[in-house]
PDB file of N, CA and C in Angstrom:
ATOM      1  N   MET A   1     -58.470 -63.860-185.141  1.00  0.00           N
ATOM      2  CA  MET A   1     -59.622 -62.420-184.915  1.00  0.00           C
ATOM      3  C   MET A   1     -60.498 -62.536-184.325  1.00  0.00           C
ATOM      4  N   GLN A   2     -60.619 -61.310-183.770  1.00  0.00           N
ATOM      5  CA  GLN A   2     -61.838 -60.883-183.038  1.00  0.00           C
ATOM      6  C   GLN A   2     -62.943 -60.005-183.282  1.00  0.00           C
ATOM      7  N   LEU A   3     -63.929 -60.319-183.533  1.00  0.00           N
ATOM      8  CA  LEU A   3     -64.810 -60.002-184.009  1.00  0.00           C
ATOM      9  C   LEU A   3     -65.500 -58.625-183.195  1.00  0.00           C
ATOM     10  N   THR A   4     -65.465 -57.586-183.628  1.00  0.00           N
ATOM     11  CA  THR A   4     -66.453 -56.130-182.848  1.00  0.00           C
ATOM     12  C   THR A   4     -67.603 -56.394-182.320  1.00  0.00           C
ATOM     13  N   PRO A   5     -68.606 -56.076-182.037  1.00  0.00           N
ATOM     14  CA  PRO A   5     -69.467 -56.483-181.339  1.00  0.00           C
ATOM     15  C   PRO A   5     -71.009 -55.608-182.824  1.00  0.00           C
ATOM     16  N   LEU A   6     -69.898 -55.033-183.284  1.00  0.00           N
ATOM     17  CA  LEU A   6     -71.119 -54.714-184.543  1.00  0.00           C
ATOM     18  C   LEU A   6     -71.024 -55.826-185.572  1.00  0.00           C
ATOM     19  N   ILE A   7     -70.168 -56.345-186.204  1.00  0.00           N
ATOM     20  CA  ILE A   7     -70.371 -57.362-186.420  1.00  0.00           C
ATOM     21  C   ILE A   7     -70.693 -58.650-185.898  1.00  0.00           C
ATOM     22  N   ARG A   8     -70.883 -58.602-184.852  1.00  0.00           N
ATOM     23  CA  ARG A   8     -71.346 -60.080-184.292  1.00  0.00           C
ATOM     24  C   ARG A   8     -73.120 -59.625-184.582  1.00  0.00           C
ATOM     25  N   LEU A   9     -73.496 -58.484-184.190  1.00  0.00           N
ATOM     26  CA  LEU A   9     -74.465 -58.034-184.569  1.00  0.00           C
ATOM     27  C   LEU A   9     -75.186 -58.735-185.883  1.00  0.00           C
ATOM     28  N   CYS A  10     -74.698 -58.163-186.231  1.00  0.00           N
ATOM     29  CA  CYS A  10     -74.654 -57.809-187.886  1.00  0.00           C
ATOM     30  C   CYS A  10     -74.820 -59.560-188.251  1.00  0.00           C
ATOM     31  N   LEU A  11     -73.663 -60.646-187.949  1.00  0.00           N
ATOM     32  CA  LEU A  11     -73.636 -61.576-188.395  1.00  0.00           C
ATOM     33  C   LEU A  11     -75.501 -62.222-187.794  1.00  0.00           C
ATOM     34  N   GLY A  12     -74.900 -62.263-186.400  1.00  0.00           N
ATOM     35  CA  GLY A  12     -76.257 -62.812-186.076  1.00  0.00           C
ATOM     36  C   GLY A  12     -77.673 -62.263-186.378  1.00  0.00           C
ATOM     37  N   SER A  13     -78.096 -61.656-186.718  1.00  0.00           N
ATOM     38  CA  SER A  13     -79.241 -60.987-187.506  1.00  0.00           C
ATOM     39  C   SER A  13     -79.501 -61.823-188.409  1.00  0.00           C
ATOM     40  N   PHE A  14     -78.312 -61.778-189.354  1.00  0.00           N
ATOM     41  CA  PHE A  14     -77.997 -62.248-190.863  1.00  0.00           C
ATOM     42  C   PHE A  14     -78.350 -63.866-190.451  1.00  0.00           C
ATOM     43  N   LEU A  15     -78.144 -64.439-189.540  1.00  0.00           N
ATOM     44  CA  LEU A  15     -78.141 -65.953-189.357  1.00  0.00           C
ATOM     45  C   LEU A  15     -79.773 -66.114-188.506  1.00  0.00           C
ATOM     46  N   VAL A  16     -80.655 -65.484-187.948  1.00  0.00           N
ATOM     47  CA  VAL A  16     -81.675 -65.683-187.613  1.00  0.00           C
ATOM     48  C   VAL A  16     -82.536 -65.134-188.586  1.00  0.00           C
ATOM     49  N   ALA A  17     -82.305 -64.357-189.886  1.00  0.00           N
ATOM     50  CA  ALA A  17     -83.044 -64.139-191.004  1.00  0.00           C
ATOM     51  C   ALA A  17     -82.900 -65.252-191.856  1.00  0.00           C
ATOM     52  N   VAL A  18     -81.842 -66.193-191.904  1.00  0.00           N
ATOM     53  CA  VAL A  18     -81.818 -66.975-192.949  1.00  0.00           C
ATOM     54  C   VAL A  18     -82.122 -68.441-192.295  1.00  0.00           C
ATOM     55  N   VAL A  19     -82.625 -68.645-191.048  1.00  0.00           N
ATOM     56  CA  VAL A  19     -83.323 -69.645-190.241  1.00  0.00           C
ATOM     57  C   VAL A  19     -84.683 -69.311-190.468  1.00  0.00           C
ATOM     58  N   LEU A  20     -85.176 -67.624-190.381  1.00  0.00           N
ATOM     59  CA  LEU A  20     -86.393 -67.766-190.297  1.00  0.00           C
ATOM     60  C   LEU A  20     -86.868 -67.930-191.568  1.00  0.00           C
ATOM     61  N   VAL A  21     -86.951 -67.406-192.831  1.00  0.00           N
ATOM     62  CA  VAL A  21     -87.088 -67.456-193.845  1.00  0.00           C
ATOM     63  C   VAL A  21     -86.910 -68.859-194.820  1.00  0.00           C
ATOM     64  N   SER A  22     -85.717 -69.665-194.367  1.00  0.00           N
ATOM     65  CA  SER A  22     -85.855 -71.226-194.738  1.00  0.00           C
ATOM     66  C   SER A  22     -87.247 -71.945-193.942  1.00  0.00           C
ATOM     67  N   GLY A  23     -87.093 -71.606-192.708  1.00  0.00           N
ATOM     68  CA  GLY A  23     -88.266 -72.608-192.148  1.00  0.00           C
ATOM     69  C   GLY A  23     -89.891 -71.974-192.250  1.00  0.00           C
ATOM     70  N   SER A  24     -90.275 -70.916-193.079  1.00  0.00           N
ATOM     71  CA  SER A  24     -91.460 -70.833-193.696  1.00  0.00           C
ATOM     72  C   SER A  24     -91.624 -71.388-195.070  1.00  0.00           C
ATOM     73  N   ASP A  25     -90.540 -72.090-195.613  1.00  0.00           N
ATOM     74  CA  ASP A  25     -90.613 -72.238-196.981  1.00  0.00           C
ATOM     75  C   ASP A  25     -91.765 -73.979-197.072  1.00  0.00           C
ATOM     76  N   GLY A  26     -91.769 -74.385-196.191  1.00  0.00           N
ATOM     77  CA  GLY A  26     -92.944 -75.698-196.059  1.00  0.00           C
ATOM     78  C   GLY A  26     -94.552 -75.121-195.682  1.00  0.00           C
ATOM     79  N   GLN A  27     -94.323 -73.877-195.646  1.00  0.00           N
ATOM     80  CA  GLN A  27     -95.914 -73.570-195.568  1.00  0.00           C
ATOM     81  C   GLN A  27     -96.474 -73.294-197.303  1.00  0.00           C
ATOM     82  N   HIS A  28     -95.644 -73.154-197.989  1.00  0.00           N
ATOM     83  CA  HIS A  28     -96.659 -72.667-199.151  1.00  0.00           C
ATOM     84  C   HIS A  28     -96.792 -74.070-199.984  1.00  0.00           C
ATOM     85  N   ARG A  29     -97.597 -73.441-200.765  1.00  0.00           N
ATOM     86  CA  ARG A  29     -98.085 -75.199-201.237  1.00  0.00           C
ATOM     87  C   ARG A  29     -97.976 -74.688-202.698  1.00  0.00           C
ATOM     88  N   ARG A  30     -97.890 -75.884-203.150  1.00  0.00           N
ATOM     89  CA  ARG A  30     -97.586 -75.714-204.350  1.00  0.00           C
ATOM     90  C   ARG A  30     -99.161 -76.548-205.561  1.00  0.00           C
ATOM     91  N   GLY A  31    -100.162 -75.382-205.714  1.00  0.00           N
ATOM     92  CA  GLY A  31    -100.906 -75.931-206.483  1.00  0.00           C
ATOM     93  C   GLY A  31    -102.148 -76.443-205.527  1.00  0.00           C
ATOM     94  N   TYR A  32    -103.354 -76.712-206.566  1.00  0.00           N
ATOM     95  CA  TYR A  32    -104.595 -76.711-205.593  1.00  0.00           C
ATOM     96  C   TYR A  32    -104.440 -78.750-205.274  1.00  0.00           C
ATOM     97  N   PRO A  33    -105.219 -79.101-204.264  1.00  0.00           N
ATOM     98  CA  PRO A  33    -105.161 -80.591-204.299  1.00  0.00           C
ATOM     99  C   PRO A  33    -106.177 -80.932-204.592  1.00  0.00           C
ATOM    100  N   THR A  34    -105.946 -82.385-205.284  1.00  0.00           N
ATOM    101  CA  THR A  34    -106.902 -83.104-205.709  1.00  0.00           C
ATOM    102  C   THR A  34    -108.405 -83.042-205.198  1.00  0.00           C
ATOM    103  N   PRO A  35    -109.205 -83.510-206.030  1.00  0.00           N
ATOM    104  CA  PRO A  35    -110.416 -82.975-205.244  1.00  0.00           C
ATOM    105  C   PRO A  35    -110.807 -85.023-205.490  1.00  0.00           C
ATOM    106  N   PRO A  36    -111.585 -85.711-204.223  1.00  0.00           N
ATOM    107  CA  PRO A  36    -111.966 -86.844-204.379  1.00  0.00           C
ATOM    108  C   PRO A  36    -112.498 -87.584-205.458  1.00  0.00           C
ATOM    109  N   ALA A  37    -112.389 -88.868-205.523  1.00  0.00           N
ATOM    110  CA  ALA A  37    -113.062 -89.607-206.557  1.00  0.00           C
ATOM    111  C   ALA A  37    -114.553 -89.527-206.378  1.00  0.00           C
ATOM    112  N   ALA A  38    -115.500 -89.812-207.270  1.00  0.00           N
ATOM    113  CA  ALA A  38    -116.486 -89.773-207.160  1.00  0.00           C
ATOM    114  C   ALA A  38    -117.013 -90.688-206.296  1.00  0.00           C
ATOM    115  N   ALA A  39    -118.200 -90.744-205.787  1.00  0.00           N
ATOM    116  CA  ALA A  39    -119.055 -91.822-205.021  1.00  0.00           C
ATOM    117  C   ALA A  39    -119.366 -92.914-206.151  1.00  0.00           C
ATOM    118  N   ALA A  40    -119.278 -93.785-205.612  1.00  0.00           N
ATOM    119  CA  ALA A  40    -119.515 -94.797-206.415  1.00  0.00           C
ATOM    120  C   ALA A  40    -121.402 -94.730-206.362  1.00  0.00           C
ATOM    121  N   SER A  41    -122.572 -95.042-207.427  1.00  0.00           N
ATOM    122  CA  SER A  41    -123.895 -94.768-207.594  1.00  0.00           C
ATOM    123  C   SER A  41    -124.471 -96.066-207.605  1.00  0.00           C
ATOM    124  N   ASP A  42    -125.811 -96.126-206.863  1.00  0.00           N
ATOM    125  CA  ASP A  42    -126.188 -97.484-207.208  1.00  0.00           C
ATOM    126  C   ASP A  42    -127.198 -97.375-208.198  1.00  0.00           C
ATOM    127  N   SER A  43    -127.210 -96.717-209.175  1.00  0.00           N
ATOM    128  CA  SER A  43    -128.001 -96.430-210.582  1.00  0.00           C
ATOM    129  C   SER A  43    -127.581 -97.672-211.418  1.00  0.00           C
ATOM    130  N   PRO A  44    -128.144 -97.632-212.573  1.00  0.00           N
ATOM    131  CA  PRO A  44    -127.807 -99.110-213.391  1.00  0.00           C
ATOM    132  C   PRO A  44    -126.775 -98.349-214.169  1.00  0.00           C
ATOM    133  N   THR A  45    -125.855 -99.120-214.615  1.00  0.00           N
ATOM    134  CA  THR A  45    -124.683 -98.527-215.541  1.00  0.00           C
ATOM    135  C   THR A  45    -125.035 -98.219-216.761  1.00  0.00           C
ATOM    136  N   SER A  46    -126.343 -98.456-217.727  1.00  0.00           N
ATOM    137  CA  SER A  46    -126.664 -97.777-218.728  1.00  0.00           C
ATOM    138  C   SER A  46    -127.944 -97.084-218.561  1.00  0.00           C
ATOM    139  N   PRO A  47    -128.037 -95.650-218.602  1.00  0.00           N
ATOM    140  CA  PRO A  47    -129.289 -95.083-218.267  1.00  0.00           C
ATOM    141  C   PRO A  47    -130.236 -94.846-219.596  1.00  0.00           C
ATOM    142  N   GLU A  48    -131.274 -95.274-219.504  1.00  0.00           N
ATOM    143  CA  GLU A  48    -132.183 -95.358-220.554  1.00  0.00           C
ATOM    144  C   GLU A  48    -131.990 -93.911-221.528  1.00  0.00           C
ATOM    145  N   PRO A  49    -132.319 -94.131-222.441  1.00  0.00           N
ATOM    146  CA  PRO A  49    -131.881 -92.724-223.671  1.00  0.00           C
ATOM    147  C   PRO A  49    -133.130 -91.723-223.080  1.00  0.00           C
ATOM    148  N   LYS A  50    -132.850 -90.544-223.624  1.00  0.00           N
ATOM    149  CA  LYS A  50    -133.363 -89.563-222.905  1.00  0.00           C
ATOM    150  C   LYS A  50    -134.845 -89.374-224.184  1.00  0.00           C
ATOM    151  N   SER A  51    -134.868 -89.733-225.137  1.00  0.00           N
ATOM    152  CA  SER A  51    -135.807 -89.758-226.027  1.00  0.00           C
ATOM    153  C   SER A  51    -136.929 -90.743-225.659  1.00  0.00           C
ATOM    154  N   SER A  52    -136.544 -91.990-224.683  1.00  0.00           N
ATOM    155  CA  SER A  52    -137.650 -92.575-224.261  1.00  0.00           C
ATOM    156  C   SER A  52    -137.989 -92.022-223.500  1.00  0.00           C
ATOM    157  N   LEU A  53    -137.286 -91.497-222.155  1.00  0.00           N
ATOM    158  CA  LEU A  53    -138.178 -90.695-221.271  1.00  0.00           C
ATOM    159  C   LEU A  53    -138.946 -89.500-221.374  1.00  0.00           C
ATOM    160  N   ARG A  54    -138.726 -88.974-222.707  1.00  0.00           N
ATOM    161  CA  ARG A  54    -139.582 -87.936-223.248  1.00  0.00           C
ATOM    162  C   ARG A  54    -140.718 -88.009-223.456  1.00  0.00           C
ATOM    163  N   ARG A  55    -140.570 -89.337-224.206  1.00  0.00           N
ATOM    164  CA  ARG A  55    -141.298 -89.900-224.649  1.00  0.00           C
ATOM    165  C   ARG A  55    -142.707 -90.851-223.794  1.00  0.00           C
ATOM    166  N   LEU A  56    -142.132 -91.210-222.814  1.00  0.00           N
ATOM    167  CA  LEU A  56    -142.830 -91.600-221.981  1.00  0.00           C
ATOM    168  C   LEU A  56    -144.118 -89.943-221.095  1.00  0.00           C
ATOM    169  N   ASP A  57    -143.133 -89.390-220.960  1.00  0.00           N
ATOM    170  CA  ASP A  57    -143.502 -88.197-220.150  1.00  0.00           C
ATOM    171  C   ASP A  57    -144.670 -87.784-221.200  1.00  0.00           C
ATOM    172  N   SER A  58    -144.224 -87.907-222.269  1.00  0.00           N
ATOM    173  CA  SER A  58    -145.491 -87.160-223.513  1.00  0.00           C
ATOM    174  C   SER A  58    -146.597 -87.794-223.183  1.00  0.00           C
ATOM    175  N   VAL A  59    -146.112 -89.141-223.145  1.00  0.00           N
ATOM    176  CA  VAL A  59    -147.732 -90.287-222.847  1.00  0.00           C
ATOM    177  C   VAL A  59    -148.538 -90.137-221.347  1.00  0.00           C
ATOM    178  N   THR A  60    -147.917 -89.864-220.145  1.00  0.00           N
ATOM    179  CA  THR A  60    -148.147 -89.374-219.177  1.00  0.00           C
ATOM    180  C   THR A  60    -149.141 -87.956-218.922  1.00  0.00           C
ATOM    181  N   MET A  61    -148.425 -87.086-219.639  1.00  0.00           N
ATOM    182  CA  MET A  61    -148.825 -86.028-219.884  1.00  0.00           C
ATOM    183  C   MET A  61    -150.098 -85.820-220.603  1.00  0.00           C
ATOM    184  N   GLU A  62    -149.920 -86.725-221.929  1.00  0.00           N
ATOM    185  CA  GLU A  62    -151.409 -86.201-222.538  1.00  0.00           C
ATOM    186  C   GLU A  62    -153.041 -87.412-221.758  1.00  0.00           C
ATOM    187  N   ARG A  63    -151.858 -87.857-221.299  1.00  0.00           N
ATOM    188  CA  ARG A  63    -153.334 -88.656-220.335  1.00  0.00           C
ATOM    189  C   ARG A  63    -153.867 -88.328-219.025  1.00  0.00           C
ATOM    190  N   GLU A  64    -152.636 -87.121-218.601  1.00  0.00           N
ATOM    191  CA  GLU A  64    -153.254 -86.610-217.463  1.00  0.00           C
ATOM    192  C   GLU A  64    -154.038 -85.017-218.193  1.00  0.00           C
ATOM    193  N   ALA A  65    -153.881 -84.325-219.033  1.00  0.00           N
ATOM    194  CA  ALA A  65    -154.609 -83.933-219.574  1.00  0.00           C
ATOM    195  C   ALA A  65    -155.956 -84.189-220.076  1.00  0.00           C
ATOM    196  N   ASN A  66    -156.181 -85.038-220.494  1.00  0.00           N
ATOM    197  CA  ASN A  66    -157.282 -85.766-221.212  1.00  0.00           C
ATOM    198  C   ASN A  66    -158.217 -85.780-219.939  1.00  0.00           C
ATOM    199  N   GLU A  67    -158.085 -86.691-218.569  1.00  0.00           N
ATOM    200  CA  GLU A  67    -158.413 -86.809-217.773  1.00  0.00           C
ATOM    201  C   GLU A  67    -158.869 -85.296-217.334  1.00  0.00           C
ATOM    202  N   MET A  68    -158.109 -84.163-217.035  1.00  0.00           N
ATOM    203  CA  MET A  68    -158.191 -83.010-216.776  1.00  0.00           C
ATOM    204  C   MET A  68    -159.351 -82.407-217.628  1.00  0.00           C
ATOM    205  N   ALA A  69    -159.399 -82.209-218.761  1.00  0.00           N
ATOM    206  CA  ALA A  69    -160.441 -82.206-219.577  1.00  0.00           C
ATOM    207  C   ALA A  69    -161.744 -82.768-219.372  1.00  0.00           C
ATOM    208  N   ALA A  70    -162.090 -84.075-218.772  1.00  0.00           N
ATOM    209  CA  ALA A  70    -163.108 -84.636-218.592  1.00  0.00           C
ATOM    210  C   ALA A  70    -163.669 -83.992-217.356  1.00  0.00           C
ATOM    211  N   LEU A  71    -162.828 -83.983-216.568  1.00  0.00           N
ATOM    212  CA  LEU A  71    -163.268 -83.276-215.133  1.00  0.00           C
ATOM    213  C   LEU A  71    -163.841 -82.019-215.284  1.00  0.00           C
ATOM    214  N   ALA A  72    -163.118 -81.492-215.939  1.00  0.00           N
ATOM    215  CA  ALA A  72    -163.418 -79.513-216.803  1.00  0.00           C
ATOM    216  C   ALA A  72    -164.612 -80.019-216.985  1.00  0.00           C
ATOM    217  N   SER A  73    -165.441 -80.970-218.161  1.00  0.00           N
ATOM    218  CA  SER A  73    -166.635 -80.421-218.635  1.00  0.00           C
ATOM    219  C   SER A  73    -167.480 -80.742-217.921  1.00  0.00           C
ATOM    220  N   SER A  74    -167.215 -82.020-217.342  1.00  0.00           N
ATOM    221  CA  SER A  74    -168.106 -81.919-215.769  1.00  0.00           C
ATOM    222  C   SER A  74    -168.312 -81.118-214.756  1.00  0.00           C
ATOM    223  N   ILE A  75    -167.717 -80.049-214.873  1.00  0.00           N
ATOM    224  CA  ILE A  75    -167.991 -78.826-213.228  1.00  0.00           C
ATOM    225  C   ILE A  75    -169.138 -77.873-214.140  1.00  0.00           C
ATOM    226  N   PRO A  76    -169.077 -77.903-215.578  1.00  0.00           N
ATOM    227  CA  PRO A  76    -170.816 -76.816-216.089  1.00  0.00           C
ATOM    228  C   PRO A  76    -172.276 -77.713-215.676  1.00  0.00           C
ATOM    229  N   GLY A  77    -171.998 -78.421-215.435  1.00  0.00           N
ATOM    230  CA  GLY A  77    -173.205 -79.731-215.101  1.00  0.00           C
ATOM    231  C   GLY A  77    -173.797 -78.936-213.673  1.00  0.00           C
ATOM    232  N   ASP A  78    -172.370 -79.293-212.980  1.00  0.00           N
ATOM    233  CA  ASP A  78    -172.174 -79.047-211.426  1.00  0.00           C
ATOM    234  C   ASP A  78    -172.994 -77.769-210.819  1.00  0.00           C
ATOM    235  N   VAL A  79    -172.752 -76.858-211.731  1.00  0.00           N
ATOM    236  CA  VAL A  79    -172.987 -75.545-211.441  1.00  0.00           C
ATOM    237  C   VAL A  79    -174.043 -74.776-211.999  1.00  0.00           C
ATOM    238  N   ALA A  80    -174.908 -76.052-212.864  1.00  0.00           N
ATOM    239  CA  ALA A  80    -176.179 -75.568-213.083  1.00  0.00           C
ATOM    240  C   ALA A  80    -177.294 -76.273-211.826  1.00  0.00           C
ATOM    241  N   GLN A  81    -176.294 -77.660-211.542  1.00  0.00           N
ATOM    242  CA  GLN A  81    -177.041 -78.084-210.319  1.00  0.00           C
ATOM    243  C   GLN A  81    -177.172 -76.895-208.738  1.00  0.00           C
ATOM    244  N   LEU A  82    -175.982 -76.415-209.321  1.00  0.00           N
ATOM    245  CA  LEU A  82    -175.745 -75.567-207.965  1.00  0.00           C
ATOM    246  C   LEU A  82    -176.970 -74.477-207.909  1.00  0.00           C
ATOM    247  N   LYS A  83    -177.251 -74.131-208.492  1.00  0.00           N
ATOM    248  CA  LYS A  83    -178.508 -73.063-209.289  1.00  0.00           C
ATOM    249  C   LYS A  83    -179.865 -73.648-208.555  1.00  0.00           C
ATOM    250  N   LYS A  84    -179.720 -74.559-208.997  1.00  0.00           N
ATOM    251  CA  LYS A  84    -181.112 -75.690-208.700  1.00  0.00           C
ATOM    252  C   LYS A  84    -180.978 -75.681-206.853  1.00  0.00           C
ATOM    253  N   GLY A  85    -179.880 -75.074-206.417  1.00  0.00           N
ATOM    254  CA  GLY A  85    -179.925 -75.843-204.657  1.00  0.00           C
ATOM    255  C   GLY A  85    -179.150 -77.091-204.688  1.00  0.00           C
ATOM    256  N   LEU A  86    -178.643 -77.759-205.293  1.00  0.00           N
ATOM    257  CA  LEU A  86    -178.045 -79.039-205.368  1.00  0.00           C
ATOM    258  C   LEU A  86    -176.562 -78.895-205.393  1.00  0.00           C
ATOM    259  N   LEU A  87    -176.065 -79.372-204.526  1.00  0.00           N
ATOM    260  CA  LEU A  87    -174.500 -79.615-204.945  1.00  0.00           C
ATOM    261  C   LEU A  87    -173.308 -80.964-204.753  1.00  0.00           C
ATOM    262  N   PRO A  88    -173.304 -81.152-206.016  1.00  0.00           N
ATOM    263  CA  PRO A  88    -173.196 -82.619-206.034  1.00  0.00           C
ATOM    264  C   PRO A  88    -171.756 -82.857-204.969  1.00  0.00           C
ATOM    265  N   SER A  89    -171.745 -84.155-204.354  1.00  0.00           N
ATOM    266  CA  SER A  89    -170.428 -84.062-203.621  1.00  0.00           C
ATOM    267  C   SER A  89    -169.156 -84.721-203.662  1.00  0.00           C
ATOM    268  N   ASP A  90    -168.842 -84.339-205.185  1.00  0.00           N
ATOM    269  CA  ASP A  90    -167.549 -85.039-205.669  1.00  0.00           C
ATOM    270  C   ASP A  90    -167.462 -82.965-206.436  1.00  0.00           C
ATOM    271  N   THR A  91    -167.409 -82.294-206.324  1.00  0.00           N
ATOM    272  CA  THR A  91    -167.647 -81.545-207.083  1.00  0.00           C
ATOM    273  C   THR A  91    -166.245 -80.575-206.471  1.00  0.00           C
ATOM    274  N   PHE A  92    -166.443 -80.777-205.266  1.00  0.00           N
ATOM    275  CA  PHE A  92    -164.380 -80.184-204.622  1.00  0.00           C
ATOM    276  C   PHE A  92    -164.242 -81.269-205.234  1.00  0.00           C
ATOM    277  N   ASP A  93    -164.066 -82.216-204.919  1.00  0.00           N
ATOM    278  CA  ASP A  93    -163.186 -83.724-205.102  1.00  0.00           C
ATOM    279  C   ASP A  93    -162.588 -83.167-206.609  1.00  0.00           C
ATOM    280  N   LYS A  94    -163.512 -82.942-207.917  1.00  0.00           N
ATOM    281  CA  LYS A  94    -163.082 -82.605-209.114  1.00  0.00           C
ATOM    282  C   LYS A  94    -161.964 -81.530-208.857  1.00  0.00           C
ATOM    283  N   LEU A  95    -162.504 -80.614-208.628  1.00  0.00           N
ATOM    284  CA  LEU A  95    -161.807 -79.391-208.544  1.00  0.00           C
ATOM    285  C   LEU A  95    -160.597 -79.271-207.966  1.00  0.00           C
ATOM    286  N   LYS A  96    -160.137 -79.863-206.826  1.00  0.00           N
ATOM    287  CA  LYS A  96    -158.785 -80.488-206.391  1.00  0.00           C
ATOM    288  C   LYS A  96    -158.603 -81.409-207.255  1.00  0.00           C
ATOM    289  N   ARG A  97    -158.926 -82.421-207.968  1.00  0.00           N
ATOM    290  CA  ARG A  97    -158.206 -83.138-208.993  1.00  0.00           C
ATOM    291  C   ARG A  97    -157.639 -82.574-209.944  1.00  0.00           C
ATOM    292  N   ILE A  98    -158.046 -81.559-210.510  1.00  0.00           N
ATOM    293  CA  ILE A  98    -157.906 -80.593-211.629  1.00  0.00           C
ATOM    294  C   ILE A  98    -156.640 -79.859-211.619  1.00  0.00           C
ATOM    295  N   GLU A  99    -156.801 -79.251-209.952  1.00  0.00           N
ATOM    296  CA  GLU A  99    -155.482 -78.241-209.182  1.00  0.00           C
ATOM    297  C   GLU A  99    -154.415 -79.219-209.650  1.00  0.00           C
ATOM    298  N   LYS A 100    -154.630 -80.487-209.063  1.00  0.00           N
ATOM    299  CA  LYS A 100    -153.095 -81.109-208.578  1.00  0.00           C
ATOM    300  C   LYS A 100    -152.937 -81.243-210.162  1.00  0.00           C
ATOM    301  N   LEU A 101    -153.602 -82.046-211.495  1.00  0.00           N
ATOM    302  CA  LEU A 101    -153.075 -82.041-212.627  1.00  0.00           C
ATOM    303  C   LEU A 101    -152.957 -80.932-213.415  1.00  0.00           C
ATOM    304  N   SER A 102    -153.570 -79.943-212.713  1.00  0.00           N
ATOM    305  CA  SER A 102    -153.009 -78.692-213.315  1.00  0.00           C
ATOM    306  C   SER A 102    -151.097 -78.490-212.778  1.00  0.00           C
ATOM    307  N   LYS A 103    -150.709 -78.384-212.008  1.00  0.00           N
ATOM    308  CA  LYS A 103    -149.922 -78.833-211.365  1.00  0.00           C
ATOM    309  C   LYS A 103    -148.367 -79.431-211.656  1.00  0.00           C
ATOM    310  N   GLN A 104    -149.264 -80.772-211.991  1.00  0.00           N
ATOM    311  CA  GLN A 104    -148.422 -81.783-212.355  1.00  0.00           C
ATOM    312  C   GLN A 104    -148.073 -81.614-214.187  1.00  0.00           C
ATOM    313  N   LEU A 105    -148.942 -80.991-214.763  1.00  0.00           N
ATOM    314  CA  LEU A 105    -148.426 -80.977-215.689  1.00  0.00           C
ATOM    315  C   LEU A 105    -147.577 -79.847-216.521  1.00  0.00           C
ATOM    316  N   ARG A 106    -148.012 -78.668-215.530  1.00  0.00           N
ATOM    317  CA  ARG A 106    -146.836 -77.483-215.324  1.00  0.00           C
ATOM    318  C   ARG A 106    -145.461 -77.807-215.419  1.00  0.00           C
ATOM    319  N   GLY A 107    -145.432 -78.739-214.147  1.00  0.00           N
ATOM    320  CA  GLY A 107    -144.303 -79.289-213.793  1.00  0.00           C
ATOM    321  C   GLY A 107    -143.509 -79.730-214.789  1.00  0.00           C
ATOM    322  N   GLN A 108    -144.009 -80.803-215.545  1.00  0.00           N
ATOM    323  CA  GLN A 108    -143.542 -81.461-216.498  1.00  0.00           C
ATOM    324  C   GLN A 108    -143.316 -80.853-217.535  1.00  0.00           C
ATOM    325  N   MET A 109    -143.538 -79.366-218.175  1.00  0.00           N
ATOM    326  CA  MET A 109    -143.865 -78.769-219.228  1.00  0.00           C
ATOM    327  C   MET A 109    -142.220 -78.310-219.290  1.00  0.00           C
ATOM    328  N   ARG A 110    -141.922 -77.432-218.001  1.00  0.00           N
ATOM    329  CA  ARG A 110    -140.812 -76.956-217.744  1.00  0.00           C
ATOM    330  C   ARG A 110    -139.718 -77.411-217.984  1.00  0.00           C
ATOM    331  N   PRO A 111    -138.681 -77.153-218.930  1.00  0.00           N
ATOM    332  CA  PRO A 111    -137.356 -77.940-218.584  1.00  0.00           C
ATOM    333  C   PRO A 111    -136.597 -77.745-218.010  1.00  0.00           C
TER     334      PRO A 111
END
């Protein structure tokens, strides 16, 4: 049985198509890859409860607020001395400390 050139061409095209289609099957992904395991942390195994952390923060905030209030109450006396021509040397340090305490308190109050 002899094959005509047209049948040979169709048969050859079919075989090439089968090889190409079957060869591309390995490139399909079946689902997403699994993520790696979490890294081991050096933190203690039982973290402190949030209520105690919040309580400690409130104690720190209260202490800083009291310090800031004490510093702020001393500033009017320094301004009064400034009117007389005297500038206390620690006035700028007090003002810088008030700014620092204010920033810390603002940061702790934000959720």
